[in-house]
Amino acid sequence: MVKKSRTLLQRAKEIFSLIENEENSFPKSRLKNAGFNPDTAEKWLELIIFIQRQPRIRLIKTTRNTVVEKLEGRFSQMSLKYFLDETQPLERRLRSLGAYADSIIVQQRQDRLLKSD
């Protein structure tokens, strides 16, 4: 019997499905239930953490092209990063979250204005 390898997307979905079904923190070894050995699980988790720290994007697919649209500017990224920093005081983190939300709204309004022209 030939073992069919999983696509990257299938692997990512399996990891997030396992994470979603857990109530609390869990040992990395539990990823073996999704078919990952310890080294592969570690690499995938590092990749996920790296991606989660990157700017959000949206893919716009046309019949001939795929365009990558960046959804956050530098200020938005900085504000979100500061909010997620658990070493910062809660009040500062909340202000940073407000700044993040405001920057996203401003950016979305600008995008709508450009698209309506």
N, C-alpha and C. Protein backbone atom coordinates (compact mmCIF):
# COMPACT_ATOMS: atom_id res chain seq x y z
N MET A 1 0.84 -1.17 0.00
CA MET A 1 0.00 0.00 0.00
C MET A 1 0.89 1.24 0.00
N VAL A 2 0.57 2.19 -0.87
CA VAL A 2 1.35 3.41 -1.00
C VAL A 2 0.79 4.47 -0.05
N LYS A 3 1.69 5.03 0.74
CA LYS A 3 1.28 6.08 1.69
C LYS A 3 1.26 7.41 0.96
N LYS A 4 0.11 8.06 0.95
CA LYS A 4 -0.03 9.35 0.28
C LYS A 4 0.37 10.46 1.26
N SER A 5 1.28 11.32 0.83
CA SER A 5 1.72 12.39 1.72
C SER A 5 0.66 13.50 1.77
N ARG A 6 0.62 14.16 2.90
CA ARG A 6 -0.35 15.22 3.11
C ARG A 6 0.20 16.53 2.55
N THR A 7 -0.69 17.38 2.08
CA THR A 7 -0.26 18.70 1.63
C THR A 7 0.04 19.56 2.84
N LEU A 8 0.73 20.68 2.62
CA LEU A 8 1.01 21.61 3.71
C LEU A 8 -0.28 22.11 4.34
N LEU A 9 -1.26 22.41 3.51
CA LEU A 9 -2.54 22.90 4.03
C LEU A 9 -3.24 21.83 4.87
N GLN A 10 -3.20 20.60 4.44
CA GLN A 10 -3.80 19.51 5.22
C GLN A 10 -3.11 19.37 6.57
N ARG A 11 -1.80 19.47 6.57
CA ARG A 11 -1.06 19.37 7.82
C ARG A 11 -1.41 20.51 8.77
N ALA A 12 -1.46 21.74 8.24
CA ALA A 12 -1.81 22.89 9.07
C ALA A 12 -3.22 22.74 9.64
N LYS A 13 -4.15 22.30 8.82
CA LYS A 13 -5.53 22.10 9.29
C LYS A 13 -5.58 21.06 10.41
N GLU A 14 -4.81 20.00 10.29
CA GLU A 14 -4.78 18.97 11.33
C GLU A 14 -4.24 19.53 12.65
N ILE A 15 -3.19 20.33 12.56
CA ILE A 15 -2.63 20.93 13.77
C ILE A 15 -3.65 21.84 14.44
N PHE A 16 -4.27 22.72 13.66
CA PHE A 16 -5.22 23.66 14.25
C PHE A 16 -6.50 22.97 14.72
N SER A 17 -6.88 21.89 14.08
CA SER A 17 -8.02 21.12 14.55
C SER A 17 -7.72 20.53 15.93
N LEU A 18 -6.53 20.00 16.09
CA LEU A 18 -6.14 19.44 17.38
C LEU A 18 -6.10 20.54 18.44
N ILE A 19 -5.51 21.69 18.10
CA ILE A 19 -5.42 22.81 19.05
C ILE A 19 -6.81 23.29 19.44
N GLU A 20 -7.68 23.40 18.45
CA GLU A 20 -9.04 23.88 18.70
C GLU A 20 -9.83 22.98 19.64
N ASN A 21 -9.56 21.69 19.57
CA ASN A 21 -10.31 20.73 20.38
C ASN A 21 -9.75 20.56 21.79
N GLU A 22 -8.66 21.21 22.09
CA GLU A 22 -8.08 21.16 23.43
C GLU A 22 -8.66 22.28 24.27
N GLU A 23 -8.93 22.01 25.51
CA GLU A 23 -9.47 23.01 26.43
C GLU A 23 -8.40 23.96 26.95
N ASN A 24 -7.23 23.43 27.25
CA ASN A 24 -6.17 24.20 27.88
C ASN A 24 -4.85 23.92 27.17
N SER A 25 -3.78 24.34 27.81
CA SER A 25 -2.45 24.03 27.29
C SER A 25 -2.27 22.52 27.27
N PHE A 26 -1.42 22.06 26.35
CA PHE A 26 -1.19 20.62 26.25
C PHE A 26 0.23 20.38 25.78
N PRO A 27 0.78 19.20 26.05
CA PRO A 27 2.15 18.91 25.64
C PRO A 27 2.24 18.75 24.12
N LYS A 28 3.36 19.18 23.60
CA LYS A 28 3.62 19.07 22.15
C LYS A 28 3.48 17.62 21.68
N SER A 29 3.78 16.69 22.55
CA SER A 29 3.71 15.27 22.18
C SER A 29 2.31 14.86 21.73
N ARG A 30 1.31 15.61 22.11
CA ARG A 30 -0.05 15.28 21.69
C ARG A 30 -0.24 15.45 20.18
N LEU A 31 0.67 16.18 19.54
CA LEU A 31 0.58 16.33 18.09
C LEU A 31 0.84 15.01 17.36
N LYS A 32 1.35 14.02 18.09
CA LYS A 32 1.53 12.70 17.46
C LYS A 32 0.17 12.13 17.07
N ASN A 33 -0.90 12.57 17.76
CA ASN A 33 -2.26 12.13 17.40
C ASN A 33 -2.66 12.63 16.01
N ALA A 34 -1.99 13.69 15.54
CA ALA A 34 -2.25 14.21 14.20
C ALA A 34 -1.19 13.71 13.21
N GLY A 35 -0.35 12.78 13.68
CA GLY A 35 0.64 12.17 12.79
C GLY A 35 1.96 12.92 12.68
N PHE A 36 2.33 13.69 13.70
CA PHE A 36 3.58 14.44 13.66
C PHE A 36 4.58 13.86 14.66
N ASN A 37 5.79 13.61 14.20
CA ASN A 37 6.82 13.18 15.14
C ASN A 37 7.32 14.43 15.88
N PRO A 38 8.06 14.27 16.98
CA PRO A 38 8.46 15.43 17.79
C PRO A 38 9.23 16.51 17.02
N ASP A 39 10.15 16.12 16.16
CA ASP A 39 10.93 17.12 15.41
C ASP A 39 10.05 17.89 14.43
N THR A 40 9.20 17.17 13.72
CA THR A 40 8.31 17.82 12.76
C THR A 40 7.32 18.73 13.49
N ALA A 41 6.79 18.27 14.60
CA ALA A 41 5.85 19.08 15.38
C ALA A 41 6.52 20.38 15.82
N GLU A 42 7.75 20.29 16.29
CA GLU A 42 8.48 21.49 16.73
C GLU A 42 8.66 22.48 15.59
N LYS A 43 9.02 21.99 14.42
CA LYS A 43 9.21 22.85 13.25
C LYS A 43 7.90 23.53 12.84
N TRP A 44 6.81 22.76 12.85
CA TRP A 44 5.52 23.32 12.49
C TRP A 44 5.09 24.39 13.49
N LEU A 45 5.27 24.14 14.77
CA LEU A 45 4.88 25.11 15.79
C LEU A 45 5.71 26.39 15.67
N GLU A 46 6.99 26.26 15.40
CA GLU A 46 7.84 27.44 15.19
C GLU A 46 7.39 28.23 13.97
N LEU A 47 7.03 27.53 12.91
CA LEU A 47 6.53 28.19 11.70
C LEU A 47 5.23 28.93 11.98
N ILE A 48 4.33 28.31 12.72
CA ILE A 48 3.05 28.94 13.06
C ILE A 48 3.27 30.20 13.88
N ILE A 49 4.15 30.13 14.88
CA ILE A 49 4.45 31.32 15.70
C ILE A 49 5.03 32.42 14.83
N PHE A 50 5.94 32.08 13.93
CA PHE A 50 6.52 33.07 13.02
C PHE A 50 5.44 33.73 12.17
N ILE A 51 4.57 32.93 11.58
CA ILE A 51 3.51 33.47 10.72
C ILE A 51 2.55 34.35 11.51
N GLN A 52 2.23 33.97 12.73
CA GLN A 52 1.31 34.76 13.54
C GLN A 52 1.86 36.14 13.86
N ARG A 53 3.15 36.33 13.77
CA ARG A 53 3.77 37.63 14.06
C ARG A 53 3.91 38.51 12.83
N GLN A 54 3.49 38.01 11.68
CA GLN A 54 3.63 38.74 10.43
C GLN A 54 2.38 39.57 10.14
N PRO A 55 2.52 40.55 9.23
CA PRO A 55 1.34 41.35 8.87
C PRO A 55 0.25 40.47 8.25
N ARG A 56 -0.97 40.84 8.54
CA ARG A 56 -2.10 40.11 7.95
C ARG A 56 -2.18 40.44 6.47
N ILE A 57 -2.56 39.45 5.67
CA ILE A 57 -2.71 39.65 4.24
C ILE A 57 -4.04 39.08 3.77
N ARG A 58 -4.41 39.50 2.57
CA ARG A 58 -5.59 38.92 1.90
C ARG A 58 -5.16 38.61 0.48
N LEU A 59 -5.63 37.48 -0.04
CA LEU A 59 -5.34 37.13 -1.42
C LEU A 59 -6.53 37.51 -2.28
N ILE A 60 -6.25 38.22 -3.34
CA ILE A 60 -7.29 38.60 -4.30
C ILE A 60 -6.98 37.83 -5.57
N LYS A 61 -7.85 36.89 -5.89
CA LYS A 61 -7.62 36.03 -7.05
C LYS A 61 -8.49 36.47 -8.21
N THR A 62 -7.84 36.65 -9.34
CA THR A 62 -8.55 36.94 -10.58
C THR A 62 -8.37 35.73 -11.49
N THR A 63 -8.88 35.83 -12.70
CA THR A 63 -8.74 34.69 -13.61
C THR A 63 -7.30 34.44 -13.99
N ARG A 64 -6.46 35.49 -13.97
CA ARG A 64 -5.07 35.33 -14.41
C ARG A 64 -4.04 35.54 -13.30
N ASN A 65 -4.39 36.27 -12.27
CA ASN A 65 -3.40 36.65 -11.26
C ASN A 65 -3.92 36.42 -9.85
N THR A 66 -2.97 36.38 -8.94
CA THR A 66 -3.28 36.43 -7.52
C THR A 66 -2.49 37.60 -6.96
N VAL A 67 -3.22 38.52 -6.33
CA VAL A 67 -2.60 39.71 -5.76
C VAL A 67 -2.58 39.55 -4.25
N VAL A 68 -1.45 39.86 -3.65
CA VAL A 68 -1.31 39.81 -2.19
C VAL A 68 -1.53 41.22 -1.68
N GLU A 69 -2.56 41.40 -0.86
CA GLU A 69 -2.87 42.71 -0.29
C GLU A 69 -2.50 42.70 1.19
N LYS A 70 -1.65 43.62 1.57
CA LYS A 70 -1.25 43.75 2.97
C LYS A 70 -2.36 44.52 3.69
N LEU A 71 -2.86 43.95 4.79
CA LEU A 71 -4.00 44.54 5.50
C LEU A 71 -3.60 45.43 6.66
N GLU A 72 -2.34 45.42 7.04
CA GLU A 72 -1.90 46.21 8.18
C GLU A 72 -0.67 47.02 7.82
N GLY A 73 -0.66 48.27 8.25
CA GLY A 73 0.53 49.09 8.10
C GLY A 73 1.47 48.88 9.27
N ARG A 74 2.59 49.56 9.25
CA ARG A 74 3.59 49.40 10.31
C ARG A 74 3.04 49.81 11.68
N PHE A 75 2.28 50.90 11.72
CA PHE A 75 1.73 51.34 13.01
C PHE A 75 0.78 50.28 13.57
N SER A 76 -0.05 49.72 12.71
CA SER A 76 -0.99 48.68 13.14
C SER A 76 -0.23 47.48 13.71
N GLN A 77 0.80 47.06 12.99
CA GLN A 77 1.59 45.91 13.43
C GLN A 77 2.24 46.20 14.79
N MET A 78 2.81 47.40 14.93
CA MET A 78 3.48 47.76 16.17
C MET A 78 2.48 47.79 17.33
N SER A 79 1.30 48.36 17.08
CA SER A 79 0.28 48.44 18.13
C SER A 79 -0.17 47.06 18.57
N LEU A 80 -0.41 46.17 17.62
CA LEU A 80 -0.84 44.81 17.96
C LEU A 80 0.26 44.07 18.71
N LYS A 81 1.49 44.22 18.25
CA LYS A 81 2.61 43.57 18.92
C LYS A 81 2.73 44.05 20.37
N TYR A 82 2.55 45.33 20.59
CA TYR A 82 2.63 45.89 21.94
C TYR A 82 1.49 45.36 22.79
N PHE A 83 0.28 45.28 22.22
CA PHE A 83 -0.87 44.76 22.96
C PHE A 83 -0.63 43.32 23.40
N LEU A 84 -0.03 42.52 22.54
CA LEU A 84 0.18 41.10 22.83
C LEU A 84 1.34 40.85 23.79
N ASP A 85 2.12 41.89 24.09
CA ASP A 85 3.26 41.76 24.99
C ASP A 85 2.77 41.71 26.44
N GLU A 86 2.76 40.53 27.02
CA GLU A 86 2.23 40.34 28.37
C GLU A 86 3.09 40.97 29.45
N THR A 87 4.28 41.42 29.10
CA THR A 87 5.14 42.08 30.09
C THR A 87 4.76 43.54 30.30
N GLN A 88 3.93 44.08 29.43
CA GLN A 88 3.51 45.48 29.53
C GLN A 88 2.32 45.61 30.48
N PRO A 89 2.18 46.78 31.12
CA PRO A 89 1.02 46.99 31.99
C PRO A 89 -0.29 46.92 31.20
N LEU A 90 -1.31 46.40 31.86
CA LEU A 90 -2.60 46.19 31.20
C LEU A 90 -3.16 47.47 30.61
N GLU A 91 -3.06 48.58 31.32
CA GLU A 91 -3.61 49.85 30.81
C GLU A 91 -2.95 50.25 29.49
N ARG A 92 -1.63 50.12 29.42
CA ARG A 92 -0.92 50.44 28.17
C ARG A 92 -1.30 49.49 27.05
N ARG A 93 -1.46 48.22 27.41
CA ARG A 93 -1.86 47.24 26.40
C ARG A 93 -3.24 47.56 25.84
N LEU A 94 -4.16 47.97 26.71
CA LEU A 94 -5.50 48.32 26.26
C LEU A 94 -5.49 49.55 25.36
N ARG A 95 -4.66 50.55 25.70
CA ARG A 95 -4.53 51.73 24.83
C ARG A 95 -3.97 51.33 23.47
N SER A 96 -3.02 50.42 23.49
CA SER A 96 -2.42 49.96 22.26
C SER A 96 -3.44 49.21 21.41
N LEU A 97 -4.31 48.46 22.05
CA LEU A 97 -5.37 47.75 21.32
C LEU A 97 -6.32 48.75 20.67
N GLY A 98 -6.65 49.80 21.39
CA GLY A 98 -7.50 50.85 20.81
C GLY A 98 -6.84 51.51 19.61
N ALA A 99 -5.54 51.78 19.73
CA ALA A 99 -4.79 52.37 18.62
C ALA A 99 -4.77 51.42 17.42
N TYR A 100 -4.63 50.14 17.69
CA TYR A 100 -4.64 49.13 16.62
C TYR A 100 -5.99 49.16 15.90
N ALA A 101 -7.07 49.12 16.67
CA ALA A 101 -8.41 49.12 16.06
C ALA A 101 -8.63 50.39 15.24
N ASP A 102 -8.25 51.53 15.79
CA ASP A 102 -8.40 52.79 15.06
C ASP A 102 -7.61 52.78 13.76
N SER A 103 -6.38 52.27 13.80
CA SER A 103 -5.55 52.27 12.59
C SER A 103 -6.13 51.35 11.52
N ILE A 104 -6.70 50.24 11.91
CA ILE A 104 -7.31 49.33 10.94
C ILE A 104 -8.54 49.98 10.31
N ILE A 105 -9.35 50.64 11.12
CA ILE A 105 -10.55 51.31 10.59
C ILE A 105 -10.16 52.41 9.61
N VAL A 106 -9.16 53.21 9.96
CA VAL A 106 -8.70 54.27 9.06
C VAL A 106 -8.20 53.67 7.75
N GLN A 107 -7.43 52.62 7.84
CA GLN A 107 -6.91 51.98 6.63
C GLN A 107 -8.04 51.43 5.76
N GLN A 108 -9.05 50.82 6.38
CA GLN A 108 -10.17 50.28 5.61
C GLN A 108 -10.96 51.40 4.95
N ARG A 109 -11.13 52.51 5.63
CA ARG A 109 -11.83 53.65 5.03
C ARG A 109 -11.06 54.20 3.84
N GLN A 110 -9.74 54.30 3.98
CA GLN A 110 -8.91 54.77 2.88
C GLN A 110 -9.01 53.83 1.68
N ASP A 111 -8.99 52.54 1.95
CA ASP A 111 -9.10 51.55 0.87
C ASP A 111 -10.43 51.69 0.15
N ARG A 112 -11.50 51.90 0.90
CA ARG A 112 -12.83 52.06 0.28
C ARG A 112 -12.88 53.31 -0.57
N LEU A 113 -12.28 54.40 -0.10
CA LEU A 113 -12.24 55.63 -0.87
C LEU A 113 -11.46 55.45 -2.17
N LEU A 114 -10.35 54.74 -2.09
CA LEU A 114 -9.55 54.50 -3.31
C LEU A 114 -10.30 53.62 -4.30
N LYS A 115 -11.03 52.66 -3.80
CA LYS A 115 -11.77 51.74 -4.69
C LYS A 115 -12.98 52.42 -5.31
N SER A 116 -13.53 53.43 -4.63
CA SER A 116 -14.71 54.11 -5.18
C SER A 116 -14.35 55.16 -6.21
N ASP A 117 -13.07 55.55 -6.29
CA ASP A 117 -12.64 56.55 -7.29
C ASP A 117 -12.57 55.99 -8.67
